[in-house]
Amino acid sequence: MKVYGIPNCNTVKKATDWLKANNVAYEFQDFKRLGVSETKLEEWDAKAGYEKFWNKQGLTWKQLDPEVKESIKTKADTLKLLQQKTSMIKRPVIEDGDFLFFGFDENVYKENLIK
């Protein structure tokens, strides 16, 4: 299982604490240090749709220049922006086989990650 996120994000901390408490092994990829590939974003888009992981509620989006926001018109524009500004990806991203989830929801984790 792989967890993508930013280590100091409160939601990522909640999720990784939950995973540790439930003895769920995972590999962590730090968006800030390692980024995320265009291929991975396209994969997530194909599985869930980019709207599902594009966080327009966070500070990074809200603090963008209006011209930049208005320039985002297509899926390709959005994925390019998300690759450049990974803090606009809803966190954490959990990948476990066919299971793909964005964010933290204890009930969803219980149903899908405890074997």
Protein backbone atom coordinates (compact mmCIF):
# COMPACT_ATOMS: atom_id res chain seq x y z
CA MET A 1 0.00 0.00 0.00
CA LYS A 2 1.19 3.50 -0.76
CA VAL A 3 0.25 6.74 0.98
CA TYR A 4 0.93 10.06 -0.73
CA GLY A 5 0.86 13.30 1.18
CA ILE A 6 2.67 16.01 3.07
CA PRO A 7 4.05 14.94 6.47
CA ASN A 8 2.99 18.06 8.38
CA CYS A 9 -0.61 17.99 7.06
CA ASN A 10 -3.03 17.29 9.93
CA THR A 11 -5.21 15.00 7.81
CA VAL A 12 -2.18 13.01 6.69
CA LYS A 13 -1.07 12.71 10.31
CA LYS A 14 -4.52 11.43 11.33
CA ALA A 15 -4.46 8.87 8.53
CA THR A 16 -0.93 7.61 9.18
CA ASP A 17 -1.60 7.46 12.93
CA TRP A 18 -4.71 5.38 12.19
CA LEU A 19 -2.76 3.08 9.86
CA LYS A 20 -0.04 2.56 12.47
CA ALA A 21 -2.58 1.95 15.26
CA ASN A 22 -4.26 -0.69 13.09
CA ASN A 23 -0.99 -2.32 12.02
CA VAL A 24 -1.49 -1.49 8.35
CA ALA A 25 1.88 -1.39 6.59
CA TYR A 26 2.40 1.35 4.04
CA GLU A 27 5.03 3.17 2.01
CA PHE A 28 4.91 6.97 2.21
CA GLN A 29 5.63 9.39 -0.62
CA ASP A 30 6.17 12.99 0.41
CA PHE A 31 4.64 15.29 -2.22
CA LYS A 32 6.84 18.19 -1.11
CA ARG A 33 10.11 16.29 -1.45
CA LEU A 34 9.38 13.84 -4.27
CA GLY A 35 6.46 15.42 -6.12
CA VAL A 36 4.06 13.33 -8.13
CA SER A 37 4.42 12.26 -11.75
CA GLU A 38 2.17 13.32 -14.60
CA THR A 39 1.56 9.61 -15.23
CA LYS A 40 0.35 9.07 -11.65
CA LEU A 41 -2.03 12.06 -11.85
CA GLU A 42 -3.41 10.73 -15.14
CA GLU A 43 -3.85 7.29 -13.55
CA TRP A 44 -5.80 8.79 -10.63
CA ASP A 45 -7.87 10.84 -13.06
CA ALA A 46 -8.72 7.73 -15.09
CA LYS A 47 -9.82 5.90 -11.93
CA ALA A 48 -11.61 8.68 -10.04
CA GLY A 49 -11.71 11.89 -12.05
CA TYR A 50 -9.42 14.80 -11.20
CA GLU A 51 -12.26 16.72 -9.55
CA LYS A 52 -12.15 14.12 -6.77
CA PHE A 53 -8.56 14.97 -5.78
CA TRP A 54 -8.33 18.64 -6.76
CA ASN A 55 -8.60 20.55 -3.46
CA LYS A 56 -10.11 23.93 -4.25
CA GLN A 57 -10.92 24.53 -0.57
CA GLY A 58 -7.32 24.88 0.59
CA LEU A 59 -5.12 27.93 0.98
CA THR A 60 -2.92 27.11 -2.00
CA TRP A 61 -5.84 27.43 -4.43
CA LYS A 62 -7.34 30.41 -2.64
CA GLN A 63 -4.02 32.28 -2.71
CA LEU A 64 -3.39 31.78 -6.42
CA ASP A 65 -3.47 34.84 -8.61
CA PRO A 66 -6.88 35.27 -10.25
CA GLU A 67 -5.21 35.13 -13.69
CA VAL A 68 -3.77 31.70 -12.89
CA LYS A 69 -7.14 30.44 -11.65
CA GLU A 70 -8.86 31.69 -14.79
CA SER A 71 -6.23 30.03 -17.00
CA ILE A 72 -7.24 26.57 -15.72
CA LYS A 73 -9.80 25.53 -18.31
CA THR A 74 -9.05 21.90 -19.17
CA LYS A 75 -8.15 18.65 -17.46
CA ALA A 76 -4.61 18.99 -18.84
CA ASP A 77 -4.31 22.49 -17.35
CA THR A 78 -5.51 21.19 -13.99
CA LEU A 79 -3.19 18.19 -13.89
CA LYS A 80 -0.21 20.38 -14.83
CA LEU A 81 -1.09 22.79 -12.01
CA LEU A 82 -1.54 19.92 -9.51
CA GLN A 83 1.86 18.55 -10.46
CA GLN A 84 3.44 21.97 -9.87
CA LYS A 85 1.48 22.70 -6.68
CA THR A 86 1.07 19.33 -4.99
CA SER A 87 -0.46 20.92 -1.89
CA MET A 88 -3.61 21.34 -4.00
CA ILE A 89 -4.08 17.55 -4.09
CA LYS A 90 -6.55 16.28 -1.52
CA ARG A 91 -4.58 14.38 1.10
CA PRO A 92 -3.70 11.74 1.85
CA VAL A 93 -3.99 9.67 -1.29
CA ILE A 94 -4.27 5.99 -0.42
CA GLU A 95 -3.51 3.36 -3.06
CA ASP A 96 -3.91 -0.31 -2.24
CA GLY A 97 -4.39 -2.50 -5.30
CA ASP A 98 -7.64 -1.35 -6.90
CA PHE A 99 -8.54 0.75 -3.84
CA LEU A 100 -7.96 4.47 -4.33
CA PHE A 101 -9.10 7.02 -1.76
CA PHE A 102 -8.48 10.72 -1.19
CA GLY A 103 -8.62 12.04 2.37
CA PHE A 104 -9.25 10.40 5.71
CA ASP A 105 -12.41 8.52 6.64
CA GLU A 106 -12.03 5.96 9.40
CA ASN A 107 -15.04 3.92 8.26
CA VAL A 108 -13.78 3.71 4.67
CA TYR A 109 -10.34 2.72 5.95
CA LYS A 110 -11.83 0.00 8.20
CA GLU A 111 -13.85 -1.44 5.34
CA ASN A 112 -11.03 -1.44 2.79
CA LEU A 113 -7.68 -1.60 4.53
CA ILE A 114 -8.03 -4.04 7.41
CA LYS A 115 -7.55 -7.54 6.09
